[in-house]
Amino acid sequence: MKILMRKRYVPRHYLRELQYRFDNIMQEDKTVKGYFEEFEELLIYLKIDDDEEALMAHFLDGLQDQITRKVEQKVYHDLQDLVHSAIKIEQHMNKAPTRRHTQAQKPLSNSFVKIEDKDKAKNHDVRHKEDSTVSSKAVTALGTKIIWHENVSTNEKPLSRMTGNQTP
């Protein structure tokens, strides 16, 4: 009965379109889980009965290249193992950013700055006084030099109250 209903009410072009989607399915910006759900939905609707090796190859072919390379190094016995490995690898890739991206470059202003003129040093202090909650650095005026110190807490004295003899 189901077969008769399908033949009568589902247009042929729709089935061709689904077959085309299945043949060209790619992960792109979807998660592995989302990609597998779409893959599985097309498998069920198209009633594809390929052997498991062909399905695994087709699934791997649509994964992102980075994930595919890592999954191919793992041992998997069926499609479920393959999907599980791909999900684990994707989670690991999203959780652990590369070392290049974790090291922020320090701006030049964080290094020691010498200001020869006392007026310039005062102006420099006034600019930083407004932002008294500078999270990582505090400025101390010692004579004509501006020296950067690491913050210990956000409850520091405002920069205008500090004298040349005090340290933060």
N, C-alpha and C. Protein backbone atom coordinates (compact mmCIF):
# COMPACT_ATOMS: atom_id res chain seq x y z
N MET A 1 0.83 -1.19 0.00
CA MET A 1 0.00 0.00 0.00
C MET A 1 0.88 1.26 0.00
N LYS A 2 1.95 1.24 0.84
CA LYS A 2 2.84 2.37 0.93
C LYS A 2 3.52 2.65 -0.41
N ILE A 3 3.90 1.60 -1.09
CA ILE A 3 4.56 1.73 -2.38
C ILE A 3 3.61 2.34 -3.40
N LEU A 4 2.37 1.90 -3.40
CA LEU A 4 1.38 2.45 -4.33
C LEU A 4 1.12 3.94 -4.06
N MET A 5 1.02 4.29 -2.80
CA MET A 5 0.79 5.69 -2.43
C MET A 5 1.97 6.55 -2.88
N ARG A 6 3.16 6.03 -2.68
CA ARG A 6 4.35 6.77 -3.05
C ARG A 6 4.41 7.00 -4.56
N LYS A 7 4.13 5.96 -5.32
CA LYS A 7 4.15 6.08 -6.78
C LYS A 7 3.12 7.08 -7.28
N ARG A 8 1.98 7.09 -6.62
CA ARG A 8 0.89 7.93 -7.10
C ARG A 8 1.04 9.39 -6.69
N TYR A 9 1.50 9.65 -5.44
CA TYR A 9 1.47 11.01 -4.92
C TYR A 9 2.82 11.71 -4.81
N VAL A 10 3.89 11.01 -4.94
CA VAL A 10 5.21 11.65 -4.87
C VAL A 10 5.72 11.83 -6.30
N PRO A 11 5.92 13.08 -6.71
CA PRO A 11 6.36 13.31 -8.09
C PRO A 11 7.78 12.76 -8.32
N ARG A 12 8.03 12.32 -9.54
CA ARG A 12 9.33 11.73 -9.89
C ARG A 12 10.47 12.75 -9.75
N HIS A 13 10.19 14.00 -10.12
CA HIS A 13 11.25 15.00 -10.03
C HIS A 13 11.71 15.21 -8.59
N TYR A 14 10.80 15.01 -7.63
CA TYR A 14 11.16 15.14 -6.22
C TYR A 14 12.13 14.03 -5.82
N LEU A 15 11.86 12.82 -6.25
CA LEU A 15 12.76 11.70 -5.95
C LEU A 15 14.12 11.90 -6.62
N ARG A 16 14.12 12.42 -7.84
CA ARG A 16 15.39 12.71 -8.52
C ARG A 16 16.18 13.78 -7.76
N GLU A 17 15.47 14.77 -7.27
CA GLU A 17 16.12 15.83 -6.51
C GLU A 17 16.72 15.29 -5.22
N LEU A 18 16.00 14.42 -4.53
CA LEU A 18 16.53 13.80 -3.31
C LEU A 18 17.76 12.94 -3.62
N GLN A 19 17.70 12.20 -4.73
CA GLN A 19 18.83 11.37 -5.12
C GLN A 19 20.05 12.25 -5.44
N TYR A 20 19.82 13.36 -6.09
CA TYR A 20 20.90 14.30 -6.39
C TYR A 20 21.50 14.86 -5.10
N ARG A 21 20.63 15.24 -4.15
CA ARG A 21 21.11 15.73 -2.84
C ARG A 21 21.94 14.68 -2.14
N PHE A 22 21.51 13.42 -2.18
CA PHE A 22 22.25 12.35 -1.52
C PHE A 22 23.61 12.15 -2.20
N ASP A 23 23.63 12.18 -3.51
CA ASP A 23 24.88 11.98 -4.24
C ASP A 23 25.89 13.10 -3.99
N ASN A 24 25.40 14.29 -3.72
CA ASN A 24 26.28 15.46 -3.57
C ASN A 24 26.29 16.04 -2.16
N ILE A 25 25.88 15.27 -1.18
CA ILE A 25 25.80 15.78 0.20
C ILE A 25 27.20 16.09 0.74
N MET A 26 27.32 17.24 1.37
CA MET A 26 28.58 17.69 1.96
C MET A 26 28.29 18.28 3.34
N GLN A 27 29.28 18.19 4.22
CA GLN A 27 29.11 18.72 5.56
C GLN A 27 29.10 20.24 5.56
N GLU A 28 30.00 20.85 4.83
CA GLU A 28 30.16 22.30 4.76
C GLU A 28 30.22 22.94 6.13
N ASP A 29 29.26 23.78 6.51
CA ASP A 29 29.30 24.46 7.80
C ASP A 29 28.43 23.80 8.87
N LYS A 30 27.87 22.63 8.55
CA LYS A 30 27.06 21.89 9.53
C LYS A 30 27.97 21.13 10.49
N THR A 31 27.42 20.77 11.63
CA THR A 31 28.17 19.90 12.54
C THR A 31 28.12 18.48 11.97
N VAL A 32 28.98 17.63 12.49
CA VAL A 32 28.99 16.23 12.03
C VAL A 32 27.65 15.59 12.35
N LYS A 33 27.10 15.90 13.51
CA LYS A 33 25.82 15.33 13.89
C LYS A 33 24.72 15.78 12.93
N GLY A 34 24.68 17.06 12.59
CA GLY A 34 23.69 17.57 11.65
C GLY A 34 23.86 16.97 10.26
N TYR A 35 25.11 16.82 9.85
CA TYR A 35 25.41 16.20 8.55
C TYR A 35 24.93 14.74 8.53
N PHE A 36 25.20 14.02 9.62
CA PHE A 36 24.78 12.62 9.68
C PHE A 36 23.25 12.51 9.70
N GLU A 37 22.57 13.41 10.40
CA GLU A 37 21.10 13.36 10.43
C GLU A 37 20.52 13.54 9.03
N GLU A 38 21.08 14.49 8.27
CA GLU A 38 20.61 14.70 6.90
C GLU A 38 20.94 13.48 6.04
N PHE A 39 22.14 12.93 6.22
CA PHE A 39 22.58 11.75 5.48
C PHE A 39 21.63 10.57 5.75
N GLU A 40 21.34 10.35 7.03
CA GLU A 40 20.47 9.25 7.44
C GLU A 40 19.04 9.44 6.93
N GLU A 41 18.55 10.68 6.98
CA GLU A 41 17.20 10.98 6.50
C GLU A 41 17.07 10.66 5.01
N LEU A 42 18.07 11.04 4.24
CA LEU A 42 18.05 10.74 2.80
C LEU A 42 18.16 9.23 2.55
N LEU A 43 18.97 8.55 3.36
CA LEU A 43 19.09 7.09 3.23
C LEU A 43 17.73 6.41 3.43
N ILE A 44 17.04 6.82 4.47
CA ILE A 44 15.75 6.20 4.80
C ILE A 44 14.71 6.52 3.75
N TYR A 45 14.64 7.79 3.34
CA TYR A 45 13.60 8.17 2.41
C TYR A 45 13.82 7.55 1.02
N LEU A 46 15.10 7.47 0.61
CA LEU A 46 15.39 6.90 -0.71
C LEU A 46 15.48 5.38 -0.68
N LYS A 47 15.41 4.80 0.51
CA LYS A 47 15.49 3.34 0.70
C LYS A 47 16.74 2.77 0.03
N ILE A 48 17.87 3.38 0.37
CA ILE A 48 19.15 2.94 -0.20
C ILE A 48 19.66 1.76 0.62
N ASP A 49 19.93 0.65 -0.07
CA ASP A 49 20.38 -0.57 0.59
C ASP A 49 21.80 -0.93 0.18
N ASP A 50 22.69 0.06 0.07
CA ASP A 50 24.08 -0.24 -0.27
C ASP A 50 24.75 -0.96 0.89
N ASP A 51 25.85 -1.62 0.59
CA ASP A 51 26.58 -2.27 1.68
C ASP A 51 27.21 -1.18 2.57
N GLU A 52 27.53 -1.58 3.77
CA GLU A 52 28.00 -0.61 4.77
C GLU A 52 29.31 0.06 4.36
N GLU A 53 30.20 -0.65 3.69
CA GLU A 53 31.46 -0.06 3.23
C GLU A 53 31.21 1.10 2.27
N ALA A 54 30.27 0.92 1.35
CA ALA A 54 29.95 1.98 0.39
C ALA A 54 29.34 3.19 1.11
N LEU A 55 28.50 2.95 2.10
CA LEU A 55 27.90 4.05 2.86
C LEU A 55 28.96 4.81 3.66
N MET A 56 29.89 4.06 4.27
CA MET A 56 30.95 4.71 5.03
C MET A 56 31.83 5.57 4.11
N ALA A 57 32.15 5.04 2.93
CA ALA A 57 32.95 5.80 1.98
C ALA A 57 32.21 7.06 1.53
N HIS A 58 30.91 6.93 1.29
CA HIS A 58 30.10 8.08 0.87
C HIS A 58 30.04 9.12 1.99
N PHE A 59 29.86 8.68 3.23
CA PHE A 59 29.81 9.58 4.38
C PHE A 59 31.14 10.30 4.54
N LEU A 60 32.24 9.56 4.48
CA LEU A 60 33.57 10.15 4.62
C LEU A 60 33.84 11.17 3.51
N ASP A 61 33.36 10.88 2.33
CA ASP A 61 33.58 11.75 1.19
C ASP A 61 32.96 13.13 1.40
N GLY A 62 31.88 13.20 2.16
CA GLY A 62 31.20 14.47 2.38
C GLY A 62 31.68 15.25 3.59
N LEU A 63 32.49 14.62 4.44
CA LEU A 63 33.00 15.32 5.63
C LEU A 63 34.01 16.39 5.24
N GLN A 64 34.23 17.33 6.14
CA GLN A 64 35.27 18.34 5.93
C GLN A 64 36.62 17.63 5.85
N ASP A 65 37.51 18.17 5.05
CA ASP A 65 38.81 17.53 4.81
C ASP A 65 39.61 17.29 6.08
N GLN A 66 39.62 18.27 6.96
CA GLN A 66 40.36 18.15 8.23
C GLN A 66 39.86 16.97 9.05
N ILE A 67 38.56 16.85 9.15
CA ILE A 67 37.97 15.77 9.93
C ILE A 67 38.20 14.43 9.24
N THR A 68 38.06 14.41 7.91
CA THR A 68 38.26 13.18 7.15
C THR A 68 39.66 12.61 7.37
N ARG A 69 40.66 13.48 7.30
CA ARG A 69 42.05 13.02 7.49
C ARG A 69 42.26 12.39 8.86
N LYS A 70 41.67 13.01 9.89
CA LYS A 70 41.85 12.48 11.24
C LYS A 70 41.04 11.21 11.46
N VAL A 71 39.84 11.13 10.89
CA VAL A 71 38.99 9.95 11.05
C VAL A 71 39.62 8.75 10.35
N GLU A 72 40.25 8.97 9.21
CA GLU A 72 40.86 7.87 8.47
C GLU A 72 42.00 7.22 9.25
N GLN A 73 42.56 7.91 10.21
CA GLN A 73 43.62 7.34 11.04
C GLN A 73 43.06 6.45 12.15
N LYS A 74 41.79 6.57 12.43
CA LYS A 74 41.14 5.77 13.48
C LYS A 74 40.65 4.45 12.92
N VAL A 75 40.36 3.53 13.84
CA VAL A 75 39.79 2.23 13.46
C VAL A 75 38.29 2.29 13.71
N TYR A 76 37.51 1.96 12.70
CA TYR A 76 36.05 1.92 12.84
C TYR A 76 35.54 0.70 12.09
N HIS A 77 34.49 0.08 12.63
CA HIS A 77 33.96 -1.16 12.07
C HIS A 77 32.66 -0.99 11.31
N ASP A 78 31.89 0.03 11.68
CA ASP A 78 30.63 0.26 11.00
C ASP A 78 30.36 1.76 10.93
N LEU A 79 29.24 2.12 10.35
CA LEU A 79 28.91 3.53 10.16
C LEU A 79 28.76 4.26 11.49
N GLN A 80 28.20 3.60 12.48
CA GLN A 80 28.03 4.23 13.79
C GLN A 80 29.38 4.56 14.43
N ASP A 81 30.36 3.65 14.33
CA ASP A 81 31.71 3.91 14.85
C ASP A 81 32.33 5.11 14.12
N LEU A 82 32.14 5.14 12.82
CA LEU A 82 32.68 6.24 12.01
C LEU A 82 32.09 7.57 12.44
N VAL A 83 30.78 7.62 12.60
CA VAL A 83 30.10 8.86 13.01
C VAL A 83 30.56 9.27 14.41
N HIS A 84 30.65 8.30 15.31
CA HIS A 84 31.08 8.59 16.68
C HIS A 84 32.50 9.17 16.68
N SER A 85 33.40 8.57 15.91
CA SER A 85 34.77 9.08 15.82
C SER A 85 34.80 10.49 15.25
N ALA A 86 34.02 10.75 14.22
CA ALA A 86 33.98 12.07 13.59
C ALA A 86 33.46 13.12 14.56
N ILE A 87 32.44 12.77 15.34
CA ILE A 87 31.89 13.71 16.32
C ILE A 87 32.93 14.03 17.39
N LYS A 88 33.63 13.01 17.87
CA LYS A 88 34.67 13.21 18.89
C LYS A 88 35.77 14.12 18.35
N ILE A 89 36.20 13.87 17.12
CA ILE A 89 37.26 14.68 16.52
C ILE A 89 36.80 16.12 16.35
N GLU A 90 35.57 16.31 15.91
CA GLU A 90 35.04 17.66 15.75
C GLU A 90 35.00 18.39 17.09
N GLN A 91 34.56 17.72 18.13
CA GLN A 91 34.50 18.34 19.46
C GLN A 91 35.90 18.70 19.94
N HIS A 92 36.85 17.82 19.70
CA HIS A 92 38.24 18.08 20.10
C HIS A 92 38.80 19.28 19.33
N MET A 93 38.48 19.36 18.04
CA MET A 93 38.96 20.49 17.23
C MET A 93 38.35 21.80 17.68
N ASN A 94 37.09 21.79 18.08
CA ASN A 94 36.43 23.01 18.52
C ASN A 94 36.86 23.42 19.92
N LYS A 95 37.22 22.45 20.74
CA LYS A 95 37.59 22.73 22.13
C LYS A 95 39.02 23.24 22.25
N ALA A 96 39.94 22.69 21.50
CA ALA A 96 41.36 23.03 21.63
C ALA A 96 41.82 23.86 20.44
N PRO A 97 41.80 25.20 20.58
CA PRO A 97 42.29 26.02 19.47
C PRO A 97 43.79 25.85 19.32
N THR A 98 44.28 26.12 18.14
CA THR A 98 45.70 25.95 17.89
C THR A 98 46.50 26.95 18.70
N ARG A 99 47.74 26.66 18.92
CA ARG A 99 48.61 27.49 19.74
C ARG A 99 48.78 28.89 19.14
N ARG A 100 48.79 28.97 17.82
CA ARG A 100 48.95 30.27 17.17
C ARG A 100 47.85 31.23 17.57
N HIS A 101 46.63 30.74 17.71
CA HIS A 101 45.50 31.62 17.97
C HIS A 101 45.36 31.96 19.45
N THR A 102 45.97 31.22 20.34
CA THR A 102 45.80 31.49 21.76
C THR A 102 46.76 32.54 22.27
N GLN A 103 47.87 32.76 21.58
CA GLN A 103 48.84 33.74 22.03
C GLN A 103 48.52 35.08 21.40
N ALA A 104 48.00 35.97 22.21
CA ALA A 104 47.68 37.29 21.70
C ALA A 104 48.95 38.12 21.65
N GLN A 105 49.10 38.87 20.62
CA GLN A 105 50.27 39.73 20.51
C GLN A 105 50.09 40.92 21.43
N LYS A 106 51.17 41.25 22.15
CA LYS A 106 51.11 42.37 23.07
C LYS A 106 51.30 43.67 22.30
N PRO A 107 50.49 44.66 22.57
CA PRO A 107 50.69 45.94 21.91
C PRO A 107 51.97 46.60 22.40
N LEU A 108 52.51 47.49 21.62
CA LEU A 108 53.76 48.15 21.98
C LEU A 108 53.63 48.98 23.23
N SER A 109 52.45 49.47 23.56
CA SER A 109 52.27 50.32 24.72
C SER A 109 52.45 49.57 26.04
N ASN A 110 52.46 48.25 26.03
CA ASN A 110 52.64 47.49 27.26
C ASN A 110 54.10 47.40 27.68
N SER A 111 55.02 47.75 26.81
CA SER A 111 56.42 47.72 27.18
C SER A 111 56.74 48.99 27.97
N PHE A 112 57.96 49.10 28.49
CA PHE A 112 58.32 50.28 29.24
C PHE A 112 58.31 51.50 28.33
N VAL A 113 57.72 52.57 28.82
CA VAL A 113 57.61 53.80 28.04
C VAL A 113 58.33 54.88 28.80
N LYS A 114 59.22 55.59 28.12
CA LYS A 114 59.91 56.72 28.74
C LYS A 114 59.31 58.01 28.21
N ILE A 115 58.95 58.89 29.10
CA ILE A 115 58.46 60.20 28.72
C ILE A 115 59.36 61.20 29.42
N GLU A 116 60.03 62.02 28.64
CA GLU A 116 61.03 62.93 29.18
C GLU A 116 60.41 64.14 29.87
N ASP A 117 59.29 64.61 29.42
CA ASP A 117 58.69 65.83 29.93
C ASP A 117 57.69 65.50 31.03
N LYS A 118 57.75 66.22 32.17
CA LYS A 118 56.82 65.97 33.27
C LYS A 118 55.37 66.24 32.85
N ASP A 119 55.12 67.26 32.03
CA ASP A 119 53.76 67.59 31.59
C ASP A 119 53.18 66.45 30.77
N LYS A 120 54.02 65.86 29.93
CA LYS A 120 53.55 64.73 29.14
C LYS A 120 53.19 63.56 30.05
N ALA A 121 53.99 63.35 31.10
CA ALA A 121 53.73 62.26 32.03
C ALA A 121 52.40 62.50 32.77
N LYS A 122 52.16 63.76 33.13
CA LYS A 122 50.90 64.07 33.81
C LYS A 122 49.71 63.84 32.88
N ASN A 123 49.86 64.27 31.62
CA ASN A 123 48.79 64.06 30.65
C ASN A 123 48.53 62.57 30.45
N HIS A 124 49.60 61.82 30.43
CA HIS A 124 49.48 60.36 30.27
C HIS A 124 48.71 59.77 31.45
N ASP A 125 49.02 60.27 32.69
CA ASP A 125 48.31 59.79 33.88
C ASP A 125 46.84 60.18 33.83
N VAL A 126 46.53 61.39 33.37
CA VAL A 126 45.15 61.86 33.33
C VAL A 126 44.34 60.98 32.37
N ARG A 127 44.94 60.62 31.24
CA ARG A 127 44.22 59.76 30.29
C ARG A 127 43.89 58.42 30.91
N HIS A 128 44.80 57.87 31.70
CA HIS A 128 44.57 56.56 32.30
C HIS A 128 43.76 56.63 33.58
N LYS A 129 43.65 57.82 34.17
CA LYS A 129 42.88 57.97 35.40
C LYS A 129 41.40 57.67 35.14
N GLU A 130 40.89 58.09 33.98
CA GLU A 130 39.49 57.86 33.66
C GLU A 130 39.17 56.38 33.61
N ASP A 131 40.09 55.61 33.13
CA ASP A 131 39.89 54.16 33.04
C ASP A 131 40.63 53.51 34.21
N SER A 132 40.11 53.69 35.44
CA SER A 132 40.80 53.18 36.62
C SER A 132 40.66 51.67 36.77
N THR A 133 39.85 51.05 35.94
CA THR A 133 39.68 49.61 36.02
C THR A 133 40.42 48.90 34.91
N VAL A 134 41.58 49.44 34.53
CA VAL A 134 42.40 48.77 33.52
C VAL A 134 42.74 47.41 34.10
N SER A 135 42.28 46.35 33.44
CA SER A 135 42.33 45.03 34.05
C SER A 135 43.71 44.46 34.17
N SER A 136 44.61 44.72 33.24
CA SER A 136 45.89 44.03 33.30
C SER A 136 47.05 44.94 33.64
N LYS A 137 46.91 46.22 33.53
CA LYS A 137 48.04 47.12 33.76
C LYS A 137 47.60 48.33 34.57
N ALA A 138 48.52 48.89 35.34
CA ALA A 138 48.31 50.16 36.03
C ALA A 138 49.54 51.01 35.78
N VAL A 139 49.36 52.30 35.74
CA VAL A 139 50.47 53.19 35.43
C VAL A 139 50.88 53.92 36.70
N THR A 140 52.19 54.01 36.93
CA THR A 140 52.74 54.73 38.06
C THR A 140 53.65 55.81 37.52
N ALA A 141 53.51 57.03 38.00
CA ALA A 141 54.39 58.11 37.56
C ALA A 141 55.53 58.23 38.56
N LEU A 142 56.76 58.06 38.09
CA LEU A 142 57.95 58.22 38.92
C LEU A 142 58.83 59.27 38.26
N GLY A 143 58.73 60.48 38.72
CA GLY A 143 59.51 61.55 38.11
C GLY A 143 59.05 61.79 36.69
N THR A 144 59.96 61.54 35.73
CA THR A 144 59.62 61.78 34.33
C THR A 144 59.38 60.48 33.58
N LYS A 145 59.36 59.35 34.27
CA LYS A 145 59.18 58.06 33.59
C LYS A 145 57.80 57.49 33.87
N ILE A 146 57.26 56.80 32.89
CA ILE A 146 56.01 56.06 33.05
C ILE A 146 56.40 54.59 33.05
N ILE A 147 56.01 53.86 34.09
CA ILE A 147 56.36 52.45 34.19
C ILE A 147 55.07 51.65 34.30
N TRP A 148 55.01 50.54 33.57
CA TRP A 148 53.84 49.67 33.59
C TRP A 148 54.02 48.60 34.65
N HIS A 149 52.98 48.37 35.47
CA HIS A 149 52.98 47.34 36.49
C HIS A 149 51.80 46.42 36.28
N GLU A 150 51.93 45.16 36.67
CA GLU A 150 50.82 44.22 36.60
C GLU A 150 49.80 44.57 37.67
N ASN A 151 48.54 44.48 37.36
CA ASN A 151 47.45 44.70 38.30
C ASN A 151 47.35 43.52 39.26
N VAL A 152 47.12 43.80 40.52
CA VAL A 152 46.87 42.74 41.48
C VAL A 152 45.37 42.57 41.68
N SER A 153 44.68 43.68 41.74
CA SER A 153 43.22 43.63 41.89
C SER A 153 42.62 44.83 41.19
N THR A 154 41.32 44.83 41.06
CA THR A 154 40.64 45.97 40.41
C THR A 154 40.31 47.06 41.40
N ASN A 155 40.63 46.86 42.69
CA ASN A 155 40.33 47.86 43.72
C ASN A 155 41.56 48.70 44.03
N GLU A 156 42.31 49.07 43.01
CA GLU A 156 43.49 49.89 43.21
C GLU A 156 43.09 51.33 43.47
N LYS A 157 44.06 52.08 44.02
CA LYS A 157 43.84 53.51 44.18
C LYS A 157 43.82 54.14 42.80
N PRO A 158 43.03 55.18 42.60
CA PRO A 158 43.06 55.87 41.31
C PRO A 158 44.46 56.43 41.05
N LEU A 159 44.84 56.56 39.83
CA LEU A 159 46.19 56.98 39.47
C LEU A 159 46.51 58.39 39.94
N SER A 160 45.53 59.26 40.07
CA SER A 160 45.79 60.64 40.46
C SER A 160 46.23 60.74 41.92
N ARG A 161 45.91 59.77 42.77
CA ARG A 161 46.27 59.80 44.18
C ARG A 161 47.66 59.26 44.45
N MET A 162 48.24 58.61 43.49
CA MET A 162 49.54 57.99 43.69
C MET A 162 50.64 59.02 43.55
N THR A 163 51.61 58.96 44.46
CA THR A 163 52.75 59.87 44.38
C THR A 163 53.94 59.11 43.83
N GLY A 164 55.02 59.81 43.57
CA GLY A 164 56.21 59.19 43.02
C GLY A 164 56.84 58.17 43.96
N ASN A 165 56.59 58.27 45.29
CA ASN A 165 57.19 57.36 46.26
C ASN A 165 56.40 56.07 46.43
N GLN A 166 55.12 56.07 46.05
CA GLN A 166 54.28 54.89 46.27
C GLN A 166 54.38 53.94 45.09
N THR A 167 54.17 52.69 45.39
CA THR A 167 54.07 51.68 44.34
C THR A 167 52.67 51.08 44.41
N PRO A 168 52.15 50.60 43.32
CA PRO A 168 50.78 50.07 43.34
C PRO A 168 50.66 48.82 44.16
